[in-house]
């Protein structure tokens, strides 16, 4: 398979064929993200994409899952996305799942009939970087949308019938009292959206990011593992969602958590609290695991 630069996918797309429809991220201004800093955003031509699908057919034969990359493939014109999805289902008889990264801007830029058409064509899940529900922090990390716009974007995907996986980032507020507000307000925004899945990541300071440069200047300090776990505890404690799968099993996380809300809420809270109470790092993933 051929790709331009490094490609990324959500943890749950580990077994998916990654089809690079766009190069880079249409926003690419978030202070904490280093994923696409070496790329200038562009939409690949349909000819290139169709050639890649043919190569995948020759190599794999058949596929069950496909993920449309790069950072915001939903920003593509809807007719092109519809054609890509149609060809994928025609090419791979066993295909049951097509996932996509979606920025809040690209969701808000689509009409509802466009999103429902994508759902009807076979787009099954969209991954939205919510990151935080704190209004000041959303602006500080340069997410590009307000709290209300983020809620609207998440609800719009769900209203279209597309599964929504919302990503949040632990540690964004640093070692400050703001960390509690970040956690409380992140639970609040998730309650307003009620996503099908929530994936919690832990901030890792990457050299190409603005937040890394702030840390170098002494303007940001990364919370320690138990402070991160306390953020996670506050978020889960504040969640009042229905039918949401919550996961913190990314390689960046110190403690792997997985459960369905609301039924597994107390079980997850008890596990987190027990690790915090012991103050024993042996329960946590080592730093080298978080870098994988």
C-alpha atoms as a PDB file:
ATOM      1  CA  UNK A   1       0.000   0.000   0.000  1.00  0.00           C
ATOM      2  CA  UNK A   2       1.186   3.561  -0.665  1.00  0.00           C
ATOM      3  CA  UNK A   3       0.877   6.487   1.710  1.00  0.00           C
ATOM      4  CA  UNK A   4       2.098  10.055   1.835  1.00  0.00           C
ATOM      5  CA  UNK A   5       3.833  10.653   5.172  1.00  0.00           C
ATOM      6  CA  UNK A   6       2.812   8.982   8.408  1.00  0.00           C
ATOM      7  CA  UNK A   7      -0.792   7.862   8.701  1.00  0.00           C
ATOM      8  CA  UNK A   8      -2.801   7.581  11.899  1.00  0.00           C
ATOM      9  CA  UNK A   9      -5.972   5.791  12.924  1.00  0.00           C
ATOM     10  CA  UNK A  10      -8.038   5.337  16.102  1.00  0.00           C
ATOM     11  CA  UNK A  11      -7.181   2.321  18.297  1.00  0.00           C
ATOM     12  CA  UNK A  12     -10.431   0.588  17.335  1.00  0.00           C
ATOM     13  CA  UNK A  13      -9.403   0.716  13.660  1.00  0.00           C
ATOM     14  CA  UNK A  14      -6.336  -1.461  14.258  1.00  0.00           C
ATOM     15  CA  UNK A  15      -7.617  -4.173  11.916  1.00  0.00           C
ATOM     16  CA  UNK A  16      -8.902  -1.813   9.242  1.00  0.00           C
ATOM     17  CA  UNK A  17      -7.449  -1.123   5.829  1.00  0.00           C
ATOM     18  CA  UNK A  18      -6.429   2.543   5.884  1.00  0.00           C
ATOM     19  CA  UNK A  19      -7.376   4.385   2.711  1.00  0.00           C
ATOM     20  CA  UNK A  20      -5.726   7.803   2.483  1.00  0.00           C
ATOM     21  CA  UNK A  21      -8.367  10.091   0.976  1.00  0.00           C
ATOM     22  CA  UNK A  22      -6.896  13.374   2.187  1.00  0.00           C
ATOM     23  CA  UNK A  23      -3.345  14.269   3.142  1.00  0.00           C
ATOM     24  CA  UNK A  24      -2.940  15.981   6.490  1.00  0.00           C
ATOM     25  CA  UNK A  25      -5.582  17.772   8.552  1.00  0.00           C
ATOM     26  CA  UNK A  26      -7.812  20.581   7.336  1.00  0.00           C
ATOM     27  CA  UNK A  27      -7.508  22.382  10.706  1.00  0.00           C
ATOM     28  CA  UNK A  28      -4.022  21.402  11.943  1.00  0.00           C
ATOM     29  CA  UNK A  29      -3.765  24.218  14.510  1.00  0.00           C
ATOM     30  CA  UNK A  30      -4.390  22.370  17.794  1.00  0.00           C
ATOM     31  CA  UNK A  31      -1.641  23.179  20.284  1.00  0.00           C
ATOM     32  CA  UNK A  32      -1.276  19.614  21.575  1.00  0.00           C
ATOM     33  CA  UNK A  33      -1.294  17.621  18.324  1.00  0.00           C
ATOM     34  CA  UNK A  34       1.806  16.743  16.298  1.00  0.00           C
ATOM     35  CA  UNK A  35       0.213  14.236  13.951  1.00  0.00           C
ATOM     36  CA  UNK A  36       0.142  16.228  10.704  1.00  0.00           C
ATOM     37  CA  UNK A  37       2.659  19.027  11.228  1.00  0.00           C
ATOM     38  CA  UNK A  38       4.829  17.745   8.364  1.00  0.00           C
ATOM     39  CA  UNK A  39       1.984  17.833   5.817  1.00  0.00           C
ATOM     40  CA  UNK A  40       0.046  20.483   3.948  1.00  0.00           C
ATOM     41  CA  UNK A  41      -3.615  19.563   3.710  1.00  0.00           C
ATOM     42  CA  UNK A  42      -4.937  18.495   0.341  1.00  0.00           C
ATOM     43  CA  UNK A  43      -7.612  16.233  -1.071  1.00  0.00           C
ATOM     44  CA  UNK A  44      -6.226  13.360  -3.121  1.00  0.00           C
ATOM     45  CA  UNK A  45      -7.615  12.872  -6.599  1.00  0.00           C
ATOM     46  CA  UNK A  46     -10.281  10.266  -7.154  1.00  0.00           C
ATOM     47  CA  UNK A  47      -7.972   8.594  -9.674  1.00  0.00           C
ATOM     48  CA  UNK A  48      -5.312   8.094  -6.970  1.00  0.00           C
ATOM     49  CA  UNK A  49      -7.847   6.825  -4.457  1.00  0.00           C
ATOM     50  CA  UNK A  50      -9.445   4.387  -6.899  1.00  0.00           C
ATOM     51  CA  UNK A  51      -6.006   3.067  -7.841  1.00  0.00           C
ATOM     52  CA  UNK A  52      -5.324   2.439  -4.135  1.00  0.00           C
ATOM     53  CA  UNK A  53      -8.611   0.561  -3.789  1.00  0.00           C
ATOM     54  CA  UNK A  54      -7.653  -1.653  -6.726  1.00  0.00           C
ATOM     55  CA  UNK A  55      -4.246  -2.328  -5.138  1.00  0.00           C
ATOM     56  CA  UNK A  56      -5.931  -3.215  -1.841  1.00  0.00           C
ATOM     57  CA  UNK A  57      -8.203  -5.639  -3.674  1.00  0.00           C
ATOM     58  CA  UNK A  58      -5.195  -7.345  -5.267  1.00  0.00           C
ATOM     59  CA  UNK A  59      -3.331  -7.515  -1.950  1.00  0.00           C
ATOM     60  CA  UNK A  60      -6.108  -8.389   0.523  1.00  0.00           C
ATOM     61  CA  UNK A  61      -8.731 -10.002  -1.680  1.00  0.00           C
ATOM     62  CA  UNK A  62     -11.586  -9.025   0.626  1.00  0.00           C
ATOM     63  CA  UNK A  63     -11.976  -6.703   3.595  1.00  0.00           C
ATOM     64  CA  UNK A  64     -14.329  -6.316   6.540  1.00  0.00           C
ATOM     65  CA  UNK A  65     -13.238  -2.865   7.774  1.00  0.00           C
ATOM     66  CA  UNK A  66     -11.912   0.298   6.100  1.00  0.00           C
ATOM     67  CA  UNK A  67     -10.801   3.565   7.693  1.00  0.00           C
ATOM     68  CA  UNK A  68     -10.731   6.763   5.637  1.00  0.00           C
ATOM     69  CA  UNK A  69      -7.690   8.886   6.495  1.00  0.00           C
ATOM     70  CA  UNK A  70      -6.018  11.400   7.024  1.00  0.00           C
ATOM     71  CA  UNK A  71      -7.015  13.758   9.804  1.00  0.00           C
ATOM     72  CA  UNK A  72     -10.309  15.022   8.432  1.00  0.00           C
ATOM     73  CA  UNK A  73     -11.444  13.056   5.417  1.00  0.00           C
ATOM     74  CA  UNK A  74     -15.018  14.218   6.044  1.00  0.00           C
ATOM     75  CA  UNK A  75     -13.904  17.628   4.756  1.00  0.00           C
ATOM     76  CA  UNK A  76     -13.883  16.154   1.237  1.00  0.00           C
ATOM     77  CA  UNK A  77     -16.736  17.100  -1.095  1.00  0.00           C
ATOM     78  CA  UNK A  78     -19.673  14.840  -0.314  1.00  0.00           C
ATOM     79  CA  UNK A  79     -20.126  13.514  -3.892  1.00  0.00           C
ATOM     80  CA  UNK A  80     -16.541  12.282  -3.899  1.00  0.00           C
ATOM     81  CA  UNK A  81     -16.949  10.620  -0.518  1.00  0.00           C
ATOM     82  CA  UNK A  82     -20.136   8.937  -1.689  1.00  0.00           C
ATOM     83  CA  UNK A  83     -18.364   7.596  -4.768  1.00  0.00           C
ATOM     84  CA  UNK A  84     -15.444   6.280  -2.692  1.00  0.00           C
ATOM     85  CA  UNK A  85     -17.745   4.516  -0.239  1.00  0.00           C
ATOM     86  CA  UNK A  86     -19.817   3.031  -3.060  1.00  0.00           C
ATOM     87  CA  UNK A  87     -16.728   1.651  -4.809  1.00  0.00           C
ATOM     88  CA  UNK A  88     -15.435   0.209  -1.538  1.00  0.00           C
ATOM     89  CA  UNK A  89     -18.631  -1.760  -0.953  1.00  0.00           C
ATOM     90  CA  UNK A  90     -18.703  -2.903  -4.566  1.00  0.00           C
ATOM     91  CA  UNK A  91     -15.062  -4.005  -4.384  1.00  0.00           C
ATOM     92  CA  UNK A  92     -15.135  -5.806  -1.039  1.00  0.00           C
ATOM     93  CA  UNK A  93     -18.192  -8.096  -0.623  1.00  0.00           C
ATOM     94  CA  UNK A  94     -17.546  -8.621   3.113  1.00  0.00           C
ATOM     95  CA  UNK A  95     -17.227  -4.920   3.967  1.00  0.00           C
ATOM     96  CA  UNK A  96     -19.356  -4.022   6.995  1.00  0.00           C
ATOM     97  CA  UNK A  97     -17.586  -0.974   8.452  1.00  0.00           C
ATOM     98  CA  UNK A  98     -16.270   2.331   7.097  1.00  0.00           C
ATOM     99  CA  UNK A  99     -14.876   4.797   9.632  1.00  0.00           C
ATOM    100  CA  UNK A 100     -13.656   8.367   9.251  1.00  0.00           C
ATOM    101  CA  UNK A 101     -12.006  11.167  11.227  1.00  0.00           C
ATOM    102  CA  UNK A 102     -14.292  14.215  11.344  1.00  0.00           C
ATOM    103  CA  UNK A 103     -13.450  17.690  12.622  1.00  0.00           C
ATOM    104  CA  UNK A 104     -16.268  19.734  14.152  1.00  0.00           C
ATOM    105  CA  UNK A 105     -15.872  22.271  11.346  1.00  0.00           C
ATOM    106  CA  UNK A 106     -16.308  19.658   8.632  1.00  0.00           C
ATOM    107  CA  UNK A 107     -19.401  18.242  10.343  1.00  0.00           C
ATOM    108  CA  UNK A 108     -20.958  21.676  10.729  1.00  0.00           C
ATOM    109  CA  UNK A 109     -20.132  22.417   7.096  1.00  0.00           C
ATOM    110  CA  UNK A 110     -22.226  19.489   5.854  1.00  0.00           C
ATOM    111  CA  UNK A 111     -25.974  19.713   5.347  1.00  0.00           C
ATOM    112  CA  UNK A 112     -27.974  17.083   7.194  1.00  0.00           C
ATOM    113  CA  UNK A 113     -29.017  15.456   3.925  1.00  0.00           C
ATOM    114  CA  UNK A 114     -25.332  15.049   3.050  1.00  0.00           C
ATOM    115  CA  UNK A 115     -24.642  13.252   6.324  1.00  0.00           C
ATOM    116  CA  UNK A 116     -27.695  11.020   5.991  1.00  0.00           C
ATOM    117  CA  UNK A 117     -26.623  10.177   2.435  1.00  0.00           C
ATOM    118  CA  UNK A 118     -23.197   9.169   3.735  1.00  0.00           C
ATOM    119  CA  UNK A 119     -24.875   7.004   6.353  1.00  0.00           C
ATOM    120  CA  UNK A 120     -27.099   5.387   3.707  1.00  0.00           C
ATOM    121  CA  UNK A 121     -24.046   4.752   1.521  1.00  0.00           C
ATOM    122  CA  UNK A 122     -22.351   2.835   4.337  1.00  0.00           C
ATOM    123  CA  UNK A 123     -20.374   5.276   6.497  1.00  0.00           C
ATOM    124  CA  UNK A 124     -20.708   3.632   9.900  1.00  0.00           C
ATOM    125  CA  UNK A 125     -18.706   5.688  12.412  1.00  0.00           C
ATOM    126  CA  UNK A 126     -17.147   9.140  12.761  1.00  0.00           C
ATOM    127  CA  UNK A 127     -14.345   9.978  15.211  1.00  0.00           C
ATOM    128  CA  UNK A 128     -14.623  13.484  16.660  1.00  0.00           C
ATOM    129  CA  UNK A 129     -11.899  15.120  18.735  1.00  0.00           C
ATOM    130  CA  UNK A 130     -13.881  16.814  21.509  1.00  0.00           C
ATOM    131  CA  UNK A 131     -10.745  17.047  23.710  1.00  0.00           C
ATOM    132  CA  UNK A 132     -12.325  19.112  26.536  1.00  0.00           C
ATOM    133  CA  UNK A 133     -15.604  20.659  27.556  1.00  0.00           C
ATOM    134  CA  UNK A 134     -13.975  23.641  29.213  1.00  0.00           C
ATOM    135  CA  UNK A 135     -14.721  26.774  27.204  1.00  0.00           C
ATOM    136  CA  UNK A 136     -11.488  28.599  28.009  1.00  0.00           C
ATOM    137  CA  UNK A 137      -9.385  25.511  27.374  1.00  0.00           C
ATOM    138  CA  UNK A 138     -11.124  24.832  24.041  1.00  0.00           C
ATOM    139  CA  UNK A 139     -10.032  28.292  22.926  1.00  0.00           C
ATOM    140  CA  UNK A 140      -6.547  27.917  24.404  1.00  0.00           C
ATOM    141  CA  UNK A 141      -5.832  24.670  22.549  1.00  0.00           C
ATOM    142  CA  UNK A 142      -7.046  26.371  19.331  1.00  0.00           C
ATOM    143  CA  UNK A 143      -9.680  23.803  18.547  1.00  0.00           C
ATOM    144  CA  UNK A 144     -11.419  26.321  16.323  1.00  0.00           C
ATOM    145  CA  UNK A 145     -14.957  25.903  17.662  1.00  0.00           C
ATOM    146  CA  UNK A 146     -16.939  26.941  20.711  1.00  0.00           C
ATOM    147  CA  UNK A 147     -18.508  24.650  23.291  1.00  0.00           C
ATOM    148  CA  UNK A 148     -21.899  25.093  21.638  1.00  0.00           C
ATOM    149  CA  UNK A 149     -20.527  24.342  18.168  1.00  0.00           C
ATOM    150  CA  UNK A 150     -18.839  21.177  19.439  1.00  0.00           C
ATOM    151  CA  UNK A 151     -22.120  20.000  20.953  1.00  0.00           C
ATOM    152  CA  UNK A 152     -23.938  20.793  17.720  1.00  0.00           C
ATOM    153  CA  UNK A 153     -21.389  18.845  15.675  1.00  0.00           C
ATOM    154  CA  UNK A 154     -21.623  15.779  17.892  1.00  0.00           C
ATOM    155  CA  UNK A 155     -25.405  15.805  17.937  1.00  0.00           C
ATOM    156  CA  UNK A 156     -25.536  16.293  14.174  1.00  0.00           C
ATOM    157  CA  UNK A 157     -23.549  13.120  13.519  1.00  0.00           C
ATOM    158  CA  UNK A 158     -25.777  11.164  15.864  1.00  0.00           C
ATOM    159  CA  UNK A 159     -28.934  12.606  14.306  1.00  0.00           C
ATOM    160  CA  UNK A 160     -27.710  11.384  10.920  1.00  0.00           C
ATOM    161  CA  UNK A 161     -27.563   7.842  12.315  1.00  0.00           C
ATOM    162  CA  UNK A 162     -23.763   7.619  12.113  1.00  0.00           C
ATOM    163  CA  UNK A 163     -22.088   6.174  15.204  1.00  0.00           C
ATOM    164  CA  UNK A 164     -20.059   8.787  17.074  1.00  0.00           C
ATOM    165  CA  UNK A 165     -16.792   8.170  18.885  1.00  0.00           C
ATOM    166  CA  UNK A 166     -15.699  11.221  20.896  1.00  0.00           C
ATOM    167  CA  UNK A 167     -12.090  11.624  21.963  1.00  0.00           C
ATOM    168  CA  UNK A 168     -11.088  13.496  25.111  1.00  0.00           C
ATOM    169  CA  UNK A 169      -7.571  14.328  26.299  1.00  0.00           C
ATOM    170  CA  UNK A 170      -6.494  13.990  29.926  1.00  0.00           C
ATOM    171  CA  UNK A 171      -3.880  16.439  31.166  1.00  0.00           C
ATOM    172  CA  UNK A 172      -4.654  19.353  28.846  1.00  0.00           C
ATOM    173  CA  UNK A 173      -4.961  21.843  31.709  1.00  0.00           C
ATOM    174  CA  UNK A 174      -1.618  20.863  33.243  1.00  0.00           C
ATOM    175  CA  UNK A 175      -0.885  20.864  36.976  1.00  0.00           C
ATOM    176  CA  UNK A 176      -3.240  23.721  37.798  1.00  0.00           C
ATOM    177  CA  UNK A 177      -6.606  24.113  39.538  1.00  0.00           C
ATOM    178  CA  UNK A 178      -8.010  24.343  36.000  1.00  0.00           C
ATOM    179  CA  UNK A 179      -7.585  20.560  35.735  1.00  0.00           C
ATOM    180  CA  UNK A 180     -10.693  20.001  37.859  1.00  0.00           C
ATOM    181  CA  UNK A 181     -12.729  22.411  35.691  1.00  0.00           C
ATOM    182  CA  UNK A 182     -11.440  20.597  32.593  1.00  0.00           C
ATOM    183  CA  UNK A 183     -12.637  17.270  34.007  1.00  0.00           C
ATOM    184  CA  UNK A 184     -16.010  18.538  35.255  1.00  0.00           C
ATOM    185  CA  UNK A 185     -16.804  20.382  32.032  1.00  0.00           C
ATOM    186  CA  UNK A 186     -15.635  17.487  29.867  1.00  0.00           C
ATOM    187  CA  UNK A 187     -18.180  15.249  31.563  1.00  0.00           C
ATOM    188  CA  UNK A 188     -20.761  17.982  30.971  1.00  0.00           C
ATOM    189  CA  UNK A 189     -20.144  18.265  27.224  1.00  0.00           C
ATOM    190  CA  UNK A 190     -20.192  14.483  26.837  1.00  0.00           C
ATOM    191  CA  UNK A 191     -23.542  14.399  28.627  1.00  0.00           C
ATOM    192  CA  UNK A 192     -24.912  16.936  26.154  1.00  0.00           C
ATOM    193  CA  UNK A 193     -23.667  14.959  23.147  1.00  0.00           C
ATOM    194  CA  UNK A 194     -24.225  11.407  24.486  1.00  0.00           C
ATOM    195  CA  UNK A 195     -21.765   9.774  22.053  1.00  0.00           C
ATOM    196  CA  UNK A 196     -21.844   6.061  21.308  1.00  0.00           C
ATOM    197  CA  UNK A 197     -18.189   5.760  22.322  1.00  0.00           C
ATOM    198  CA  UNK A 198     -15.789   7.857  24.378  1.00  0.00           C
ATOM    199  CA  UNK A 199     -12.045   7.368  24.049  1.00  0.00           C
ATOM    200  CA  UNK A 200      -9.852   8.996  26.705  1.00  0.00           C
ATOM    201  CA  UNK A 201      -6.257   9.690  25.712  1.00  0.00           C
ATOM    202  CA  UNK A 202      -3.494  11.041  27.943  1.00  0.00           C
ATOM    203  CA  UNK A 203      -1.551  14.057  26.731  1.00  0.00           C
ATOM    204  CA  UNK A 204       1.979  13.287  25.588  1.00  0.00           C
ATOM    205  CA  UNK A 205       4.304  16.220  24.992  1.00  0.00           C
ATOM    206  CA  UNK A 206       5.507  16.044  21.400  1.00  0.00           C
ATOM    207  CA  UNK A 207       8.368  18.308  20.255  1.00  0.00           C
ATOM    208  CA  UNK A 208       6.516  19.706  17.239  1.00  0.00           C
ATOM    209  CA  UNK A 209       3.642  21.097  19.304  1.00  0.00           C
ATOM    210  CA  UNK A 210       2.948  24.487  20.882  1.00  0.00           C
ATOM    211  CA  UNK A 211       2.165  22.886  24.249  1.00  0.00           C
ATOM    212  CA  UNK A 212       5.621  21.277  24.225  1.00  0.00           C
ATOM    213  CA  UNK A 213       7.202  24.666  23.625  1.00  0.00           C
ATOM    214  CA  UNK A 214       5.148  26.082  26.491  1.00  0.00           C
ATOM    215  CA  UNK A 215       6.447  23.318  28.751  1.00  0.00           C
ATOM    216  CA  UNK A 216       9.997  24.136  27.691  1.00  0.00           C
ATOM    217  CA  UNK A 217       9.379  27.758  28.724  1.00  0.00           C
ATOM    218  CA  UNK A 218       7.957  26.671  32.084  1.00  0.00           C
ATOM    219  CA  UNK A 219       4.424  27.730  31.133  1.00  0.00           C
ATOM    220  CA  UNK A 220       2.940  24.230  31.271  1.00  0.00           C
ATOM    221  CA  UNK A 221       3.616  21.246  33.546  1.00  0.00           C
ATOM    222  CA  UNK A 222       2.343  17.763  32.741  1.00  0.00           C
ATOM    223  CA  UNK A 223       0.317  16.208  35.585  1.00  0.00           C
ATOM    224  CA  UNK A 224       1.736  13.118  37.245  1.00  0.00           C
ATOM    225  CA  UNK A 225       0.059   9.732  36.679  1.00  0.00           C
ATOM    226  CA  UNK A 226      -2.136   9.907  39.768  1.00  0.00           C
ATOM    227  CA  UNK A 227      -3.292  13.425  38.936  1.00  0.00           C
ATOM    228  CA  UNK A 228      -4.223  12.143  35.486  1.00  0.00           C
ATOM    229  CA  UNK A 229      -6.170   9.295  37.098  1.00  0.00           C
ATOM    230  CA  UNK A 230      -8.001  11.790  39.288  1.00  0.00           C
ATOM    231  CA  UNK A 231      -9.074  13.690  36.157  1.00  0.00           C
ATOM    232  CA  UNK A 232     -10.318  10.418  34.717  1.00  0.00           C
ATOM    233  CA  UNK A 233     -12.197   9.678  37.952  1.00  0.00           C
ATOM    234  CA  UNK A 234     -13.902  13.102  37.961  1.00  0.00           C
ATOM    235  CA  UNK A 235     -14.948  12.723  34.334  1.00  0.00           C
ATOM    236  CA  UNK A 236     -16.461   9.278  34.793  1.00  0.00           C
ATOM    237  CA  UNK A 237     -18.135  10.364  38.044  1.00  0.00           C
ATOM    238  CA  UNK A 238     -19.805  13.242  36.214  1.00  0.00           C
ATOM    239  CA  UNK A 239     -21.040  11.231  33.249  1.00  0.00           C
ATOM    240  CA  UNK A 240     -24.786  10.816  32.850  1.00  0.00           C
ATOM    241  CA  UNK A 241     -24.989   9.147  29.453  1.00  0.00           C
ATOM    242  CA  UNK A 242     -26.935   6.204  28.128  1.00  0.00           C
ATOM    243  CA  UNK A 243     -25.522   3.328  26.090  1.00  0.00           C
ATOM    244  CA  UNK A 244     -22.019   4.790  25.829  1.00  0.00           C
ATOM    245  CA  UNK A 245     -18.923   2.604  25.667  1.00  0.00           C
ATOM    246  CA  UNK A 246     -16.098   4.287  27.614  1.00  0.00           C
ATOM    247  CA  UNK A 247     -12.481   3.355  26.936  1.00  0.00           C
ATOM    248  CA  UNK A 248      -9.099   4.524  28.176  1.00  0.00           C
ATOM    249  CA  UNK A 249      -7.115   1.688  26.621  1.00  0.00           C
ATOM    250  CA  UNK A 250      -4.929   3.737  24.276  1.00  0.00           C
ATOM    251  CA  UNK A 251      -1.164   3.269  24.577  1.00  0.00           C
ATOM    252  CA  UNK A 252      -0.937   6.771  26.085  1.00  0.00           C
ATOM    253  CA  UNK A 253      -3.075   5.848  29.088  1.00  0.00           C
ATOM    254  CA  UNK A 254      -1.597   4.869  32.449  1.00  0.00           C
ATOM    255  CA  UNK A 255      -4.537   2.631  33.332  1.00  0.00           C
ATOM    256  CA  UNK A 256      -6.611   0.635  30.870  1.00  0.00           C
ATOM    257  CA  UNK A 257     -10.322   1.118  31.569  1.00  0.00           C
ATOM    258  CA  UNK A 258     -13.275  -0.141  29.595  1.00  0.00           C
ATOM    259  CA  UNK A 259     -16.945  -0.260  30.429  1.00  0.00           C
ATOM    260  CA  UNK A 260     -20.469   0.528  29.303  1.00  0.00           C
ATOM    261  CA  UNK A 261     -22.355   3.413  30.834  1.00  0.00           C
ATOM    262  CA  UNK A 262     -24.248   3.663  33.011  1.00  0.00           C
ATOM    263  CA  UNK A 263     -24.114   0.019  34.121  1.00  0.00           C
ATOM    264  CA  UNK A 264     -20.318  -0.225  34.552  1.00  0.00           C
ATOM    265  CA  UNK A 265     -19.797   3.247  36.006  1.00  0.00           C
ATOM    266  CA  UNK A 266     -19.251   2.230  39.618  1.00  0.00           C
ATOM    267  CA  UNK A 267     -16.969  -0.649  38.646  1.00  0.00           C
ATOM    268  CA  UNK A 268     -14.716   1.734  36.697  1.00  0.00           C
ATOM    269  CA  UNK A 269     -14.734   4.283  39.512  1.00  0.00           C
ATOM    270  CA  UNK A 270     -13.843   1.635  42.094  1.00  0.00           C
ATOM    271  CA  UNK A 271     -10.887   0.467  40.025  1.00  0.00           C
ATOM    272  CA  UNK A 272      -9.541   3.992  39.537  1.00  0.00           C
ATOM    273  CA  UNK A 273     -10.007   4.876  43.210  1.00  0.00           C
ATOM    274  CA  UNK A 274      -8.282   1.709  44.369  1.00  0.00           C
ATOM    275  CA  UNK A 275      -5.219   2.529  42.258  1.00  0.00           C
ATOM    276  CA  UNK A 276      -5.176   6.132  43.499  1.00  0.00           C
ATOM    277  CA  UNK A 277      -5.489   4.987  47.115  1.00  0.00           C
ATOM    278  CA  UNK A 278      -2.548   2.573  46.872  1.00  0.00           C
ATOM    279  CA  UNK A 279      -0.338   5.248  45.251  1.00  0.00           C
ATOM    280  CA  UNK A 280       1.541   2.285  43.751  1.00  0.00           C
ATOM    281  CA  UNK A 281       2.998   2.789  40.263  1.00  0.00           C
ATOM    282  CA  UNK A 282       3.193  -0.974  39.736  1.00  0.00           C
ATOM    283  CA  UNK A 283      -0.510  -0.858  38.810  1.00  0.00           C
ATOM    284  CA  UNK A 284       0.229   1.584  35.996  1.00  0.00           C
ATOM    285  CA  UNK A 285       1.511   1.069  32.506  1.00  0.00           C
ATOM    286  CA  UNK A 286       5.194   1.987  32.351  1.00  0.00           C
ATOM    287  CA  UNK A 287       6.214   5.037  30.336  1.00  0.00           C
ATOM    288  CA  UNK A 288       7.722   2.911  27.573  1.00  0.00           C
ATOM    289  CA  UNK A 289       4.326   1.297  26.989  1.00  0.00           C
ATOM    290  CA  UNK A 290       2.722   4.734  26.642  1.00  0.00           C
ATOM    291  CA  UNK A 291       5.142   5.561  23.846  1.00  0.00           C
ATOM    292  CA  UNK A 292       4.134   2.590  21.668  1.00  0.00           C
END
